[in-house]
C-alpha atoms as a PDB file:
ATOM      1  CA  MET A   1     -12.774  10.652 -22.012  1.00  0.00           C
ATOM      2  CA  PHE A   2     -15.043   7.738 -22.930  1.00  0.00           C
ATOM      3  CA  PHE A   3     -12.134   5.322 -22.372  1.00  0.00           C
ATOM      4  CA  PHE A   4     -11.727   6.460 -18.781  1.00  0.00           C
ATOM      5  CA  SER A   5     -15.451   6.074 -18.097  1.00  0.00           C
ATOM      6  CA  ARG A   6     -15.295   2.484 -19.320  1.00  0.00           C
ATOM      7  CA  LEU A   7     -12.177   1.907 -17.248  1.00  0.00           C
ATOM      8  CA  ASP A   8     -14.002   3.164 -14.148  1.00  0.00           C
ATOM      9  CA  VAL A   9     -16.925   0.808 -14.716  1.00  0.00           C
ATOM     10  CA  ILE A  10     -14.634  -2.178 -15.342  1.00  0.00           C
ATOM     11  CA  THR A  11     -12.613  -1.365 -12.229  1.00  0.00           C
ATOM     12  CA  ILE A  12     -15.687  -1.064 -10.018  1.00  0.00           C
ATOM     13  CA  VAL A  13     -17.131  -4.342 -11.311  1.00  0.00           C
ATOM     14  CA  ALA A  14     -13.781  -6.108 -10.889  1.00  0.00           C
ATOM     15  CA  SER A  15     -13.431  -4.769  -7.359  1.00  0.00           C
ATOM     16  CA  LEU A  16     -16.910  -5.967  -6.445  1.00  0.00           C
ATOM     17  CA  ILE A  17     -16.174  -9.427  -7.830  1.00  0.00           C
ATOM     18  CA  VAL A  18     -12.900  -9.635  -5.912  1.00  0.00           C
ATOM     19  CA  LEU A  19     -14.587  -8.522  -2.689  1.00  0.00           C
ATOM     20  CA  SER A  20     -17.584 -10.827  -3.042  1.00  0.00           C
ATOM     21  CA  GLU A  21     -15.604 -13.927  -4.005  1.00  0.00           C
ATOM     22  CA  GLY A  22     -12.858 -13.231  -1.480  1.00  0.00           C
ATOM     23  CA  SER A  23     -15.275 -12.997   1.433  1.00  0.00           C
ATOM     24  CA  SER A  24     -17.341 -16.087   0.613  1.00  0.00           C
ATOM     25  CA  GLY A  25     -16.312 -19.545   1.694  1.00  0.00           C
ATOM     26  CA  ARG A  26     -16.350 -20.952  -1.832  1.00  0.00           C
ATOM     27  CA  VAL A  27     -13.204 -21.888  -3.674  1.00  0.00           C
ATOM     28  CA  PHE A  28     -12.674 -19.562  -6.621  1.00  0.00           C
ATOM     29  CA  ALA A  29      -9.972 -19.594  -9.263  1.00  0.00           C
ATOM     30  CA  ALA A  30      -7.167 -17.508  -7.812  1.00  0.00           C
ATOM     31  CA  SER A  31      -5.761 -16.712 -11.231  1.00  0.00           C
ATOM     32  CA  ALA A  32      -9.052 -15.092 -12.248  1.00  0.00           C
ATOM     33  CA  LEU A  33      -8.951 -12.880  -9.169  1.00  0.00           C
ATOM     34  CA  ARG A  34      -5.367 -11.868  -9.911  1.00  0.00           C
ATOM     35  CA  GLY A  35      -6.379 -10.882 -13.413  1.00  0.00           C
ATOM     36  CA  LEU A  36      -9.169  -8.703 -12.072  1.00  0.00           C
ATOM     37  CA  ARG A  37      -6.813  -6.969  -9.651  1.00  0.00           C
ATOM     38  CA  PHE A  38      -4.897  -5.683 -12.649  1.00  0.00           C
ATOM     39  CA  PHE A  39      -7.793  -3.334 -13.365  1.00  0.00           C
ATOM     40  CA  GLN A  40      -7.411  -1.786  -9.926  1.00  0.00           C
ATOM     41  CA  ILE A  41      -3.808  -0.967 -10.779  1.00  0.00           C
ATOM     42  CA  LEU A  42      -4.854   0.311 -14.180  1.00  0.00           C
ATOM     43  CA  ARG A  43      -7.185   2.735 -12.406  1.00  0.00           C
ATOM     44  CA  MET A  44      -4.129   4.654 -11.208  1.00  0.00           C
ATOM     45  CA  VAL A  45      -3.482   5.628 -14.816  1.00  0.00           C
ATOM     46  CA  ARG A  46      -6.718   7.590 -14.771  1.00  0.00           C
ATOM     47  CA  VAL A  47      -5.885   9.306 -11.494  1.00  0.00           C
ATOM     48  CA  ASP A  48      -2.654  10.708 -12.879  1.00  0.00           C
ATOM     49  CA  ARG A  49      -3.454  11.290 -16.540  1.00  0.00           C
ATOM     50  CA  ARG A  50      -1.007  14.022 -17.258  1.00  0.00           C
ATOM     51  CA  GLY A  51       1.870  12.340 -15.495  1.00  0.00           C
ATOM     52  CA  GLY A  52       3.040  15.462 -13.718  1.00  0.00           C
ATOM     53  CA  THR A  53       3.883  13.714 -10.477  1.00  0.00           C
ATOM     54  CA  TRP A  54       5.706  10.929 -12.315  1.00  0.00           C
ATOM     55  CA  LYS A  55       7.779  13.466 -14.240  1.00  0.00           C
ATOM     56  CA  LEU A  56       8.634  15.200 -10.981  1.00  0.00           C
ATOM     57  CA  LEU A  57       9.581  11.894  -9.355  1.00  0.00           C
ATOM     58  CA  GLY A  58      11.710  10.957 -12.355  1.00  0.00           C
ATOM     59  CA  SER A  59      13.557  14.270 -12.296  1.00  0.00           C
ATOM     60  CA  VAL A  60      14.263  13.933  -8.568  1.00  0.00           C
ATOM     61  CA  VAL A  61      15.573  10.390  -9.010  1.00  0.00           C
ATOM     62  CA  TRP A  62      17.717  11.509 -11.941  1.00  0.00           C
ATOM     63  CA  ALA A  63      19.102  14.484 -10.013  1.00  0.00           C
ATOM     64  CA  HIS A  64      20.035  12.327  -7.016  1.00  0.00           C
ATOM     65  CA  ARG A  65      21.011   9.156  -8.846  1.00  0.00           C
ATOM     66  CA  GLN A  66      24.545   9.109  -7.453  1.00  0.00           C
ATOM     67  CA  GLU A  67      23.331   9.251  -3.846  1.00  0.00           C
ATOM     68  CA  LEU A  68      20.733   6.555  -4.541  1.00  0.00           C
ATOM     69  CA  ILE A  69      23.304   4.245  -6.128  1.00  0.00           C
ATOM     70  CA  THR A  70      25.650   4.778  -3.183  1.00  0.00           C
ATOM     71  CA  THR A  71      22.835   3.998  -0.734  1.00  0.00           C
ATOM     72  CA  LEU A  72      21.941   0.803  -2.587  1.00  0.00           C
ATOM     73  CA  TYR A  73      25.592  -0.250  -2.649  1.00  0.00           C
ATOM     74  CA  ILE A  74      26.066   0.313   1.083  1.00  0.00           C
ATOM     75  CA  GLY A  75      22.810  -1.524   1.830  1.00  0.00           C
ATOM     76  CA  PHE A  76      23.913  -4.463  -0.314  1.00  0.00           C
ATOM     77  CA  LEU A  77      27.264  -4.627   1.472  1.00  0.00           C
ATOM     78  CA  GLY A  78      25.484  -4.487   4.851  1.00  0.00           C
ATOM     79  CA  LEU A  79      23.264  -7.381   3.783  1.00  0.00           C
ATOM     80  CA  ILE A  80      26.221  -9.502   2.728  1.00  0.00           C
ATOM     81  CA  LEU A  81      28.222  -8.721   5.876  1.00  0.00           C
ATOM     82  CA  SER A  82      25.357  -9.337   8.308  1.00  0.00           C
ATOM     83  CA  SER A  83      24.405 -12.598   6.588  1.00  0.00           C
ATOM     84  CA  PHE A  84      28.005 -13.798   6.728  1.00  0.00           C
ATOM     85  CA  LEU A  85      28.283 -12.945  10.424  1.00  0.00           C
ATOM     86  CA  VAL A  86      25.047 -14.798  11.181  1.00  0.00           C
ATOM     87  CA  PHE A  87      26.321 -17.799   9.220  1.00  0.00           C
ATOM     88  CA  LEU A  88      29.608 -17.798  11.137  1.00  0.00           C
ATOM     89  CA  ALA A  89      27.803 -17.577  14.473  1.00  0.00           C
ATOM     90  CA  GLU A  90      25.282 -20.314  13.691  1.00  0.00           C
ATOM     91  CA  LYS A  91      27.151 -22.842  11.561  1.00  0.00           C
ATOM     92  CA  GLU A  92      28.580 -24.821  14.509  1.00  0.00           C
ATOM     93  CA  GLU A  93      25.207 -25.276  16.209  1.00  0.00           C
ATOM     94  CA  LYS A  94      23.576 -28.705  15.975  1.00  0.00           C
ATOM     95  CA  ASP A  95      20.050 -27.499  15.444  1.00  0.00           C
ATOM     96  CA  THR A  96      20.688 -24.650  13.003  1.00  0.00           C
ATOM     97  CA  LYS A  97      18.698 -23.485  10.003  1.00  0.00           C
ATOM     98  CA  PHE A  98      21.824 -22.116   8.333  1.00  0.00           C
ATOM     99  CA  THR A  99      23.649 -25.091   6.838  1.00  0.00           C
ATOM    100  CA  ASN A 100      25.222 -22.961   4.092  1.00  0.00           C
ATOM    101  CA  TYR A 101      25.811 -19.308   3.315  1.00  0.00           C
ATOM    102  CA  ALA A 102      22.951 -19.132   0.818  1.00  0.00           C
ATOM    103  CA  GLU A 103      20.421 -19.880   3.560  1.00  0.00           C
ATOM    104  CA  ALA A 104      21.942 -17.187   5.757  1.00  0.00           C
ATOM    105  CA  LEU A 105      21.794 -14.748   2.852  1.00  0.00           C
ATOM    106  CA  TRP A 106      18.139 -15.627   2.262  1.00  0.00           C
ATOM    107  CA  TRP A 107      17.499 -15.012   5.968  1.00  0.00           C
ATOM    108  CA  GLY A 108      19.066 -11.585   5.562  1.00  0.00           C
ATOM    109  CA  VAL A 109      16.802 -10.717   2.672  1.00  0.00           C
END
């Protein structure tokens, strides 16, 4: 219990530092702010201590894993097909951004 109280204090202090330094006009080390944001994510551990919702989510994902894999596969194929069609339509233009298929695929992402 004492650990979570300390975590709350650290999270509140980190949030205040991020808010105060982010709103001022001064230049502040961005890497230090990113490190402090980790504590805000760590706060979620306290919210769901017992992990009941995560266990439920895991069981639902496991039960429907075949449908999820099929959905990901169809989405991936749609991405590849649409990027290829955009590349074919745009490759003959003089002022195109798609000079190769990789750029068209990145556009699709």
